[in-house]
PDB file of N, CA and C in Angstrom:
ATOM      1  N   UNK A   1       0.845  -1.180   0.000  1.00  0.00           N
ATOM      2  CA  UNK A   1       0.000   0.000   0.000  1.00  0.00           C
ATOM      3  C   UNK A   1       0.887   1.240   0.000  1.00  0.00           C
ATOM      4  N   UNK A   2       0.463   2.260  -0.666  1.00  0.00           N
ATOM      5  CA  UNK A   2       1.229   3.501  -0.729  1.00  0.00           C
ATOM      6  C   UNK A   2       1.096   4.215   0.610  1.00  0.00           C
ATOM      7  N   UNK A   3       2.226   4.660   1.131  1.00  0.00           N
ATOM      8  CA  UNK A   3       2.247   5.309   2.437  1.00  0.00           C
ATOM      9  C   UNK A   3       1.432   6.599   2.400  1.00  0.00           C
ATOM     10  N   UNK A   4       0.495   6.707   3.347  1.00  0.00           N
ATOM     11  CA  UNK A   4      -0.318   7.903   3.444  1.00  0.00           C
ATOM     12  C   UNK A   4      -1.486   7.954   2.480  1.00  0.00           C
ATOM     13  N   UNK A   5      -1.670   6.923   1.635  1.00  0.00           N
ATOM     14  CA  UNK A   5      -2.735   6.946   0.628  1.00  0.00           C
ATOM     15  C   UNK A   5      -4.113   6.940   1.274  1.00  0.00           C
ATOM     16  N   UNK A   6      -4.325   6.053   2.260  1.00  0.00           N
ATOM     17  CA  UNK A   6      -5.645   5.915   2.869  1.00  0.00           C
ATOM     18  C   UNK A   6      -6.004   7.115   3.724  1.00  0.00           C
ATOM     19  N   UNK A   7      -5.025   7.846   4.188  1.00  0.00           N
ATOM     20  CA  UNK A   7      -5.313   8.992   5.047  1.00  0.00           C
ATOM     21  C   UNK A   7      -5.484  10.280   4.261  1.00  0.00           C
ATOM     22  N   UNK A   8      -5.118  10.287   2.998  1.00  0.00           N
ATOM     23  CA  UNK A   8      -5.281  11.499   2.199  1.00  0.00           C
ATOM     24  C   UNK A   8      -6.747  11.674   1.824  1.00  0.00           C
ATOM     25  N   UNK A   9      -7.120  12.873   1.451  1.00  0.00           N
ATOM     26  CA  UNK A   9      -8.509  13.132   1.068  1.00  0.00           C
ATOM     27  C   UNK A   9      -8.862  12.390  -0.223  1.00  0.00           C
ATOM     28  N   UNK A  10      -7.902  12.261  -1.132  1.00  0.00           N
ATOM     29  CA  UNK A  10      -8.140  11.492  -2.361  1.00  0.00           C
ATOM     30  C   UNK A  10      -8.381  10.021  -2.035  1.00  0.00           C
ATOM     31  N   UNK A  11      -7.562   9.470  -1.138  1.00  0.00           N
ATOM     32  CA  UNK A  11      -7.711   8.070  -0.742  1.00  0.00           C
ATOM     33  C   UNK A  11      -9.038   7.823  -0.051  1.00  0.00           C
ATOM     34  N   UNK A  12      -9.459   8.749   0.789  1.00  0.00           N
ATOM     35  CA  UNK A  12     -10.742   8.617   1.487  1.00  0.00           C
ATOM     36  C   UNK A  12     -11.898   8.677   0.498  1.00  0.00           C
ATOM     37  N   UNK A  13     -11.820   9.589  -0.448  1.00  0.00           N
ATOM     38  CA  UNK A  13     -12.878   9.713  -1.451  1.00  0.00           C
ATOM     39  C   UNK A  13     -12.956   8.463  -2.314  1.00  0.00           C
ATOM     40  N   UNK A  14     -11.796   7.931  -2.687  1.00  0.00           N
ATOM     41  CA  UNK A  14     -11.767   6.718  -3.498  1.00  0.00           C
ATOM     42  C   UNK A  14     -12.350   5.539  -2.727  1.00  0.00           C
ATOM     43  N   UNK A  15     -12.007   5.430  -1.462  1.00  0.00           N
ATOM     44  CA  UNK A  15     -12.528   4.356  -0.624  1.00  0.00           C
ATOM     45  C   UNK A  15     -14.044   4.457  -0.489  1.00  0.00           C
ATOM     46  N   UNK A  16     -14.571   5.644  -0.304  1.00  0.00           N
ATOM     47  CA  UNK A  16     -16.018   5.837  -0.205  1.00  0.00           C
ATOM     48  C   UNK A  16     -16.719   5.469  -1.509  1.00  0.00           C
ATOM     49  N   UNK A  17     -16.114   5.817  -2.650  1.00  0.00           N
ATOM     50  CA  UNK A  17     -16.713   5.471  -3.941  1.00  0.00           C
ATOM     51  C   UNK A  17     -16.760   3.967  -4.130  1.00  0.00           C
ATOM     52  N   UNK A  18     -15.702   3.276  -3.746  1.00  0.00           N
ATOM     53  CA  UNK A  18     -15.659   1.819  -3.889  1.00  0.00           C
ATOM     54  C   UNK A  18     -16.704   1.173  -2.992  1.00  0.00           C
ATOM     55  N   UNK A  19     -16.798   1.625  -1.754  1.00  0.00           N
ATOM     56  CA  UNK A  19     -17.782   1.056  -0.828  1.00  0.00           C
ATOM     57  C   UNK A  19     -19.210   1.350  -1.275  1.00  0.00           C
ATOM     58  N   UNK A  20     -19.456   2.514  -1.853  1.00  0.00           N
ATOM     59  CA  UNK A  20     -20.795   2.860  -2.322  1.00  0.00           C
ATOM     60  C   UNK A  20     -21.198   2.018  -3.525  1.00  0.00           C
ATOM     61  N   UNK A  21     -20.229   1.611  -4.324  1.00  0.00           N
ATOM     62  CA  UNK A  21     -20.528   0.825  -5.524  1.00  0.00           C
ATOM     63  C   UNK A  21     -20.789  -0.640  -5.212  1.00  0.00           C
ATOM     64  N   UNK A  22     -20.372  -1.099  -4.042  1.00  0.00           N
ATOM     65  CA  UNK A  22     -20.562  -2.507  -3.688  1.00  0.00           C
ATOM     66  C   UNK A  22     -22.017  -2.750  -3.307  1.00  0.00           C
ATOM     67  N   UNK A  23     -22.629  -3.826  -3.816  1.00  0.00           N
ATOM     68  CA  UNK A  23     -24.020  -4.112  -3.455  1.00  0.00           C
ATOM     69  C   UNK A  23     -24.102  -4.558  -2.000  1.00  0.00           C
ATOM     70  N   UNK A  24     -25.206  -4.204  -1.374  1.00  0.00           N
ATOM     71  CA  UNK A  24     -25.390  -4.640   0.011  1.00  0.00           C
ATOM     72  C   UNK A  24     -25.807  -6.105   0.008  1.00  0.00           C
ATOM     73  N   UNK A  25     -25.345  -6.835   0.974  1.00  0.00           N
ATOM     74  CA  UNK A  25     -25.627  -8.270   1.059  1.00  0.00           C
ATOM     75  C   UNK A  25     -26.901  -8.488   1.862  1.00  0.00           C
ATOM     76  N   UNK A  26     -28.033  -8.521   1.172  1.00  0.00           N
ATOM     77  CA  UNK A  26     -29.320  -8.773   1.816  1.00  0.00           C
ATOM     78  C   UNK A  26     -29.750 -10.178   1.430  1.00  0.00           C
ATOM     79  N   UNK A  27     -30.013 -11.049   2.403  1.00  0.00           N
ATOM     80  CA  UNK A  27     -30.431 -12.411   2.066  1.00  0.00           C
ATOM     81  C   UNK A  27     -31.762 -12.417   1.324  1.00  0.00           C
ATOM     82  N   UNK A  28     -31.931 -13.389   0.432  1.00  0.00           N
ATOM     83  CA  UNK A  28     -33.143 -13.469  -0.385  1.00  0.00           C
ATOM     84  C   UNK A  28     -34.382 -13.642   0.475  1.00  0.00           C
ATOM     85  N   UNK A  29     -34.280 -14.377   1.597  1.00  0.00           N
ATOM     86  CA  UNK A  29     -35.453 -14.616   2.416  1.00  0.00           C
ATOM     87  C   UNK A  29     -35.923 -13.352   3.134  1.00  0.00           C
ATOM     88  N   UNK A  30     -35.082 -12.330   3.210  1.00  0.00           N
ATOM     89  CA  UNK A  30     -35.468 -11.091   3.863  1.00  0.00           C
ATOM     90  C   UNK A  30     -36.271 -10.193   2.933  1.00  0.00           C
ATOM     91  N   UNK A  31     -36.230 -10.465   1.648  1.00  0.00           N
ATOM     92  CA  UNK A  31     -36.952  -9.651   0.691  1.00  0.00           C
ATOM     93  C   UNK A  31     -38.378 -10.177   0.544  1.00  0.00           C
ATOM     94  N   UNK A  32     -39.371  -9.293   0.469  1.00  0.00           N
ATOM     95  CA  UNK A  32     -40.754  -9.767   0.346  1.00  0.00           C
ATOM     96  C   UNK A  32     -40.996 -10.422  -1.007  1.00  0.00           C
ATOM     97  N   UNK A  33     -41.798 -11.480  -0.998  1.00  0.00           N
ATOM     98  CA  UNK A  33     -42.142 -12.175  -2.239  1.00  0.00           C
ATOM     99  C   UNK A  33     -43.177 -11.358  -3.009  1.00  0.00           C
ATOM    100  N   UNK A  34     -43.164 -11.500  -4.313  1.00  0.00           N
ATOM    101  CA  UNK A  34     -44.136 -10.810  -5.145  1.00  0.00           C
ATOM    102  C   UNK A  34     -45.521 -11.400  -4.918  1.00  0.00           C
ATOM    103  N   UNK A  35     -46.593 -10.613  -5.065  1.00  0.00           N
ATOM    104  CA  UNK A  35     -47.945 -11.133  -4.837  1.00  0.00           C
ATOM    105  C   UNK A  35     -48.281 -12.339  -5.712  1.00  0.00           C
ATOM    106  N   UNK A  36     -47.860 -12.335  -6.976  1.00  0.00           N
ATOM    107  CA  UNK A  36     -48.128 -13.472  -7.858  1.00  0.00           C
ATOM    108  C   UNK A  36     -47.448 -14.738  -7.383  1.00  0.00           C
ATOM    109  N   UNK A  37     -46.258 -14.588  -6.835  1.00  0.00           N
ATOM    110  CA  UNK A  37     -45.518 -15.728  -6.292  1.00  0.00           C
ATOM    111  C   UNK A  37     -46.278 -16.317  -5.112  1.00  0.00           C
ATOM    112  N   UNK A  38     -46.775 -15.457  -4.225  1.00  0.00           N
ATOM    113  CA  UNK A  38     -47.509 -15.917  -3.053  1.00  0.00           C
ATOM    114  C   UNK A  38     -48.817 -16.597  -3.446  1.00  0.00           C
ATOM    115  N   UNK A  39     -49.514 -16.064  -4.436  1.00  0.00           N
ATOM    116  CA  UNK A  39     -50.765 -16.671  -4.891  1.00  0.00           C
ATOM    117  C   UNK A  39     -50.515 -18.035  -5.505  1.00  0.00           C
ATOM    118  N   UNK A  40     -49.456 -18.164  -6.296  1.00  0.00           N
ATOM    119  CA  UNK A  40     -49.120 -19.446  -6.901  1.00  0.00           C
ATOM    120  C   UNK A  40     -48.755 -20.481  -5.863  1.00  0.00           C
ATOM    121  N   UNK A  41     -47.999 -20.073  -4.850  1.00  0.00           N
ATOM    122  CA  UNK A  41     -47.614 -20.992  -3.779  1.00  0.00           C
ATOM    123  C   UNK A  41     -48.833 -21.438  -2.992  1.00  0.00           C
ATOM    124  N   UNK A  42     -49.762 -20.534  -2.730  1.00  0.00           N
ATOM    125  CA  UNK A  42     -50.980 -20.885  -1.995  1.00  0.00           C
ATOM    126  C   UNK A  42     -51.838 -21.852  -2.803  1.00  0.00           C
ATOM    127  N   UNK A  43     -51.937 -21.639  -4.108  1.00  0.00           N
ATOM    128  CA  UNK A  43     -52.724 -22.540  -4.962  1.00  0.00           C
ATOM    129  C   UNK A  43     -52.107 -23.931  -4.988  1.00  0.00           C
ATOM    130  N   UNK A  44     -50.792 -24.011  -5.045  1.00  0.00           N
ATOM    131  CA  UNK A  44     -50.124 -25.311  -5.054  1.00  0.00           C
ATOM    132  C   UNK A  44     -50.330 -26.025  -3.724  1.00  0.00           C
ATOM    133  N   UNK A  45     -50.225 -25.287  -2.622  1.00  0.00           N
ATOM    134  CA  UNK A  45     -50.430 -25.912  -1.305  1.00  0.00           C
ATOM    135  C   UNK A  45     -51.850 -26.442  -1.156  1.00  0.00           C
ATOM    136  N   UNK A  46     -52.823 -25.763  -1.767  1.00  0.00           N
ATOM    137  CA  UNK A  46     -54.208 -26.259  -1.717  1.00  0.00           C
ATOM    138  C   UNK A  46     -54.365 -27.536  -2.531  1.00  0.00           C
ATOM    139  N   UNK A  47     -53.656 -27.645  -3.651  1.00  0.00           N
ATOM    140  CA  UNK A  47     -53.770 -28.819  -4.525  1.00  0.00           C
ATOM    141  C   UNK A  47     -52.910 -29.987  -4.061  1.00  0.00           C
ATOM    142  N   UNK A  48     -51.948 -29.739  -3.189  1.00  0.00           N
ATOM    143  CA  UNK A  48     -50.987 -30.767  -2.792  1.00  0.00           C
ATOM    144  C   UNK A  48     -51.607 -31.976  -2.087  1.00  0.00           C
ATOM    145  N   UNK A  49     -52.559 -31.833  -1.158  1.00  0.00           N
ATOM    146  CA  UNK A  49     -53.137 -33.036  -0.533  1.00  0.00           C
ATOM    147  C   UNK A  49     -53.783 -33.986  -1.537  1.00  0.00           C
ATOM    148  N   UNK A  50     -54.486 -33.445  -2.528  1.00  0.00           N
ATOM    149  CA  UNK A  50     -55.092 -34.298  -3.558  1.00  0.00           C
ATOM    150  C   UNK A  50     -54.013 -34.948  -4.420  1.00  0.00           C
ATOM    151  N   UNK A  51     -52.945 -34.214  -4.708  1.00  0.00           N
ATOM    152  CA  UNK A  51     -51.863 -34.762  -5.534  1.00  0.00           C
ATOM    153  C   UNK A  51     -51.126 -35.879  -4.806  1.00  0.00           C
ATOM    154  N   UNK A  52     -50.999 -35.768  -3.498  1.00  0.00           N
ATOM    155  CA  UNK A  52     -50.284 -36.800  -2.731  1.00  0.00           C
ATOM    156  C   UNK A  52     -51.047 -38.115  -2.676  1.00  0.00           C
ATOM    157  N   UNK A  53     -52.301 -38.101  -3.030  1.00  0.00           N
ATOM    158  CA  UNK A  53     -53.064 -39.360  -3.101  1.00  0.00           C
ATOM    159  C   UNK A  53     -52.571 -40.249  -4.238  1.00  0.00           C
ATOM    160  N   UNK A  54     -51.813 -39.680  -5.174  1.00  0.00           N
ATOM    161  CA  UNK A  54     -51.287 -40.452  -6.299  1.00  0.00           C
ATOM    162  C   UNK A  54     -49.961 -41.142  -5.975  1.00  0.00           C
ATOM    163  N   UNK A  55     -49.410 -40.909  -4.783  1.00  0.00           N
ATOM    164  CA  UNK A  55     -48.164 -41.580  -4.393  1.00  0.00           C
ATOM    165  C   UNK A  55     -48.434 -43.079  -4.300  1.00  0.00           C
ATOM    166  N   UNK A  56     -47.580 -43.865  -4.968  1.00  0.00           N
ATOM    167  CA  UNK A  56     -47.740 -45.314  -5.016  1.00  0.00           C
ATOM    168  C   UNK A  56     -48.513 -45.801  -6.227  1.00  0.00           C
ATOM    169  N   UNK A  57     -48.983 -44.876  -7.045  1.00  0.00           N
ATOM    170  CA  UNK A  57     -49.752 -45.238  -8.243  1.00  0.00           C
ATOM    171  C   UNK A  57     -48.920 -45.002  -9.502  1.00  0.00           C
ATOM    172  N   UNK A  58     -49.349 -45.576 -10.628  1.00  0.00           N
ATOM    173  CA  UNK A  58     -48.585 -45.420 -11.881  1.00  0.00           C
ATOM    174  C   UNK A  58     -48.601 -43.982 -12.408  1.00  0.00           C
ATOM    175  N   UNK A  59     -47.563 -43.663 -13.167  1.00  0.00           N
ATOM    176  CA  UNK A  59     -47.426 -42.333 -13.771  1.00  0.00           C
ATOM    177  C   UNK A  59     -48.600 -42.002 -14.690  1.00  0.00           C
ATOM    178  N   UNK A  60     -49.155 -42.995 -15.362  1.00  0.00           N
ATOM    179  CA  UNK A  60     -50.245 -42.750 -16.311  1.00  0.00           C
ATOM    180  C   UNK A  60     -51.440 -42.077 -15.633  1.00  0.00           C
ATOM    181  N   UNK A  61     -51.722 -42.430 -14.397  1.00  0.00           N
ATOM    182  CA  UNK A  61     -52.831 -41.794 -13.681  1.00  0.00           C
ATOM    183  C   UNK A  61     -52.541 -40.324 -13.397  1.00  0.00           C
ATOM    184  N   UNK A  62     -51.300 -40.027 -13.065  1.00  0.00           N
ATOM    185  CA  UNK A  62     -50.914 -38.638 -12.809  1.00  0.00           C
ATOM    186  C   UNK A  62     -51.001 -37.828 -14.090  1.00  0.00           C
ATOM    187  N   UNK A  63     -50.514 -38.384 -15.191  1.00  0.00           N
ATOM    188  CA  UNK A  63     -50.557 -37.663 -16.480  1.00  0.00           C
ATOM    189  C   UNK A  63     -51.991 -37.417 -16.933  1.00  0.00           C
ATOM    190  N   UNK A  64     -52.901 -38.333 -16.609  1.00  0.00           N
ATOM    191  CA  UNK A  64     -54.297 -38.136 -16.987  1.00  0.00           C
ATOM    192  C   UNK A  64     -54.934 -37.000 -16.186  1.00  0.00           C
ATOM    193  N   UNK A  65     -54.478 -36.796 -14.964  1.00  0.00           N
ATOM    194  CA  UNK A  65     -55.076 -35.782 -14.090  1.00  0.00           C
ATOM    195  C   UNK A  65     -54.353 -34.433 -14.161  1.00  0.00           C
ATOM    196  N   UNK A  66     -53.036 -34.451 -14.143  1.00  0.00           N
ATOM    197  CA  UNK A  66     -52.233 -33.218 -14.117  1.00  0.00           C
ATOM    198  C   UNK A  66     -51.377 -33.143 -15.370  1.00  0.00           C
ATOM    199  N   UNK A  67     -51.578 -32.110 -16.148  1.00  0.00           N
ATOM    200  CA  UNK A  67     -50.780 -31.910 -17.361  1.00  0.00           C
ATOM    201  C   UNK A  67     -49.863 -30.702 -17.161  1.00  0.00           C
ATOM    202  N   UNK A  68     -48.744 -30.710 -17.866  1.00  0.00           N
ATOM    203  CA  UNK A  68     -47.814 -29.573 -17.777  1.00  0.00           C
ATOM    204  C   UNK A  68     -48.522 -28.322 -18.280  1.00  0.00           C
ATOM    205  N   UNK A  69     -48.300 -27.182 -17.730  1.00  0.00           N
ATOM    206  CA  UNK A  69     -47.322 -26.846 -16.700  1.00  0.00           C
ATOM    207  C   UNK A  69     -47.819 -27.038 -15.276  1.00  0.00           C
ATOM    208  N   UNK A  70     -49.077 -27.488 -15.089  1.00  0.00           N
ATOM    209  CA  UNK A  70     -49.586 -27.657 -13.720  1.00  0.00           C
ATOM    210  C   UNK A  70     -48.854 -28.764 -12.975  1.00  0.00           C
ATOM    211  N   UNK A  71     -48.472 -29.812 -13.684  1.00  0.00           N
ATOM    212  CA  UNK A  71     -47.759 -30.918 -13.045  1.00  0.00           C
ATOM    213  C   UNK A  71     -46.645 -31.422 -13.934  1.00  0.00           C
ATOM    214  N   UNK A  72     -45.522 -31.745 -13.347  1.00  0.00           N
ATOM    215  CA  UNK A  72     -44.370 -32.244 -14.085  1.00  0.00           C
ATOM    216  C   UNK A  72     -43.899 -33.525 -13.421  1.00  0.00           C
ATOM    217  N   UNK A  73     -43.638 -34.560 -14.223  1.00  0.00           N
ATOM    218  CA  UNK A  73     -43.133 -35.832 -13.702  1.00  0.00           C
ATOM    219  C   UNK A  73     -41.622 -35.875 -13.877  1.00  0.00           C
ATOM    220  N   UNK A  74     -40.928 -36.255 -12.812  1.00  0.00           N
ATOM    221  CA  UNK A  74     -39.470 -36.348 -12.834  1.00  0.00           C
ATOM    222  C   UNK A  74     -39.092 -37.790 -12.540  1.00  0.00           C
ATOM    223  N   UNK A  75     -38.458 -38.446 -13.511  1.00  0.00           N
ATOM    224  CA  UNK A  75     -38.061 -39.841 -13.341  1.00  0.00           C
ATOM    225  C   UNK A  75     -36.843 -39.976 -12.436  1.00  0.00           C
ATOM    226  N   UNK A  76     -36.670 -41.143 -11.894  1.00  0.00           N
ATOM    227  CA  UNK A  76     -35.543 -41.447 -11.016  1.00  0.00           C
ATOM    228  C   UNK A  76     -34.230 -41.204 -11.753  1.00  0.00           C
ATOM    229  N   UNK A  77     -33.326 -40.487 -11.161  1.00  0.00           N
ATOM    230  CA  UNK A  77     -31.997 -40.142 -11.705  1.00  0.00           C
ATOM    231  C   UNK A  77     -32.066 -39.271 -12.959  1.00  0.00           C
ATOM    232  N   UNK A  78     -33.184 -38.654 -13.233  1.00  0.00           N
ATOM    233  CA  UNK A  78     -33.319 -37.796 -14.406  1.00  0.00           C
ATOM    234  C   UNK A  78     -32.819 -36.395 -14.064  1.00  0.00           C
ATOM    235  N   UNK A  79     -32.068 -35.815 -14.987  1.00  0.00           N
ATOM    236  CA  UNK A  79     -31.661 -34.428 -14.795  1.00  0.00           C
ATOM    237  C   UNK A  79     -32.880 -33.547 -15.015  1.00  0.00           C
ATOM    238  N   UNK A  80     -33.065 -32.597 -14.135  1.00  0.00           N
ATOM    239  CA  UNK A  80     -34.217 -31.711 -14.283  1.00  0.00           C
ATOM    240  C   UNK A  80     -33.820 -30.291 -13.909  1.00  0.00           C
ATOM    241  N   UNK A  81     -34.680 -29.378 -14.235  1.00  0.00           N
ATOM    242  CA  UNK A  81     -34.419 -27.975 -13.952  1.00  0.00           C
ATOM    243  C   UNK A  81     -34.534 -27.701 -12.461  1.00  0.00           C
ATOM    244  N   UNK A  82     -33.798 -26.734 -12.010  1.00  0.00           N
ATOM    245  CA  UNK A  82     -33.916 -26.286 -10.624  1.00  0.00           C
ATOM    246  C   UNK A  82     -34.703 -24.976 -10.586  1.00  0.00           C
ATOM    247  N   UNK A  83     -35.449 -24.740 -11.634  1.00  0.00           N
ATOM    248  CA  UNK A  83     -36.267 -23.544 -11.732  1.00  0.00           C
ATOM    249  C   UNK A  83     -37.483 -23.716 -10.831  1.00  0.00           C
ATOM    250  N   UNK A  84     -37.515 -23.037  -9.703  1.00  0.00           N
ATOM    251  CA  UNK A  84     -38.611 -23.178  -8.751  1.00  0.00           C
ATOM    252  C   UNK A  84     -39.802 -22.372  -9.229  1.00  0.00           C
ATOM    253  N   UNK A  85     -40.909 -23.039  -9.395  1.00  0.00           N
ATOM    254  CA  UNK A  85     -42.154 -22.372  -9.759  1.00  0.00           C
ATOM    255  C   UNK A  85     -43.186 -22.748  -8.710  1.00  0.00           C
ATOM    256  N   UNK A  86     -43.675 -21.788  -7.965  1.00  0.00           N
ATOM    257  CA  UNK A  86     -44.551 -22.103  -6.838  1.00  0.00           C
ATOM    258  C   UNK A  86     -45.895 -22.685  -7.243  1.00  0.00           C
ATOM    259  N   UNK A  87     -46.309 -22.473  -8.483  1.00  0.00           N
ATOM    260  CA  UNK A  87     -47.619 -22.957  -8.916  1.00  0.00           C
ATOM    261  C   UNK A  87     -47.547 -24.305  -9.626  1.00  0.00           C
ATOM    262  N   UNK A  88     -46.403 -24.976  -9.579  1.00  0.00           N
ATOM    263  CA  UNK A  88     -46.235 -26.238 -10.307  1.00  0.00           C
ATOM    264  C   UNK A  88     -46.104 -27.395  -9.322  1.00  0.00           C
ATOM    265  N   UNK A  89     -46.816 -28.475  -9.596  1.00  0.00           N
ATOM    266  CA  UNK A  89     -46.661 -29.717  -8.837  1.00  0.00           C
ATOM    267  C   UNK A  89     -45.569 -30.547  -9.494  1.00  0.00           C
ATOM    268  N   UNK A  90     -44.697 -31.122  -8.694  1.00  0.00           N
ATOM    269  CA  UNK A  90     -43.638 -31.988  -9.203  1.00  0.00           C
ATOM    270  C   UNK A  90     -43.832 -33.375  -8.619  1.00  0.00           C
ATOM    271  N   UNK A  91     -43.946 -34.364  -9.500  1.00  0.00           N
ATOM    272  CA  UNK A  91     -44.129 -35.750  -9.082  1.00  0.00           C
ATOM    273  C   UNK A  91     -42.826 -36.502  -9.313  1.00  0.00           C
ATOM    274  N   UNK A  92     -42.287 -37.086  -8.265  1.00  0.00           N
ATOM    275  CA  UNK A  92     -41.070 -37.888  -8.373  1.00  0.00           C
ATOM    276  C   UNK A  92     -41.430 -39.329  -8.670  1.00  0.00           C
ATOM    277  N   UNK A  93     -40.786 -39.919  -9.671  1.00  0.00           N
ATOM    278  CA  UNK A  93     -41.065 -41.296 -10.082  1.00  0.00           C
ATOM    279  C   UNK A  93     -39.880 -42.189  -9.764  1.00  0.00           C
ATOM    280  N   UNK A  94     -40.155 -43.465  -9.523  1.00  0.00           N
ATOM    281  CA  UNK A  94     -39.059 -44.412  -9.332  1.00  0.00           C
ATOM    282  C   UNK A  94     -38.716 -45.063 -10.671  1.00  0.00           C
ATOM    283  N   UNK A  95     -37.883 -46.076 -10.662  1.00  0.00           N
ATOM    284  CA  UNK A  95     -37.438 -46.736 -11.890  1.00  0.00           C
ATOM    285  C   UNK A  95     -38.540 -47.470 -12.629  1.00  0.00           C
ATOM    286  N   UNK A  96     -39.640 -47.766 -11.938  1.00  0.00           N
ATOM    287  CA  UNK A  96     -40.762 -48.481 -12.575  1.00  0.00           C
ATOM    288  C   UNK A  96     -41.911 -47.548 -12.934  1.00  0.00           C
ATOM    289  N   UNK A  97     -41.656 -46.229 -12.925  1.00  0.00           N
ATOM    290  CA  UNK A  97     -42.661 -45.200 -13.231  1.00  0.00           C
ATOM    291  C   UNK A  97     -43.822 -45.200 -12.242  1.00  0.00           C
ATOM    292  N   UNK A  98     -43.505 -45.442 -10.979  1.00  0.00           N
ATOM    293  CA  UNK A  98     -44.483 -45.338  -9.905  1.00  0.00           C
ATOM    294  C   UNK A  98     -44.202 -44.028  -9.168  1.00  0.00           C
ATOM    295  N   UNK A  99     -45.253 -43.275  -8.862  1.00  0.00           N
ATOM    296  CA  UNK A  99     -45.091 -41.997  -8.172  1.00  0.00           C
ATOM    297  C   UNK A  99     -44.593 -42.251  -6.749  1.00  0.00           C
ATOM    298  N   UNK A 100     -43.502 -41.603  -6.384  1.00  0.00           N
ATOM    299  CA  UNK A 100     -42.917 -41.752  -5.045  1.00  0.00           C
ATOM    300  C   UNK A 100     -43.003 -40.476  -4.220  1.00  0.00           C
ATOM    301  N   UNK A 101     -43.260 -39.333  -4.859  1.00  0.00           N
ATOM    302  CA  UNK A 101     -43.381 -38.084  -4.103  1.00  0.00           C
ATOM    303  C   UNK A 101     -44.180 -37.065  -4.901  1.00  0.00           C
ATOM    304  N   UNK A 102     -44.778 -36.140  -4.179  1.00  0.00           N
ATOM    305  CA  UNK A 102     -45.485 -35.017  -4.791  1.00  0.00           C
ATOM    306  C   UNK A 102     -45.129 -33.776  -3.982  1.00  0.00           C
ATOM    307  N   UNK A 103     -44.586 -32.774  -4.661  1.00  0.00           N
ATOM    308  CA  UNK A 103     -44.161 -31.545  -3.988  1.00  0.00           C
ATOM    309  C   UNK A 103     -44.547 -30.336  -4.822  1.00  0.00           C
ATOM    310  N   UNK A 104     -44.522 -29.180  -4.201  1.00  0.00           N
ATOM    311  CA  UNK A 104     -44.730 -27.927  -4.923  1.00  0.00           C
ATOM    312  C   UNK A 104     -43.384 -27.425  -5.415  1.00  0.00           C
ATOM    313  N   UNK A 105     -43.391 -26.826  -6.572  1.00  0.00           N
ATOM    314  CA  UNK A 105     -42.149 -26.249  -7.087  1.00  0.00           C
ATOM    315  C   UNK A 105     -41.752 -26.908  -8.332  1.00  0.00           C
TER     316      UNK A 105
END
């Protein structure tokens, strides 16, 4: 560091500019959710008990009842998106295409 740089008025001004340009670290959970996001999450939570009745049943029954984008089937070991959508039901399938889980998102 240059001797006396931080104590000079130029150094202080430069330091303030750098600190002002840095984004504040606010956690995502501290920020309020958008109203549409909250409505979608509430709708999914209302539909979830009925969707969980399909756990242990074949995928064909789920596809007949829930079509994309309302419901998405994810096969065992299948790569899938991590795009969280609060209004979407996600059905986890095992290797025999039997529903093993139902979640929102």
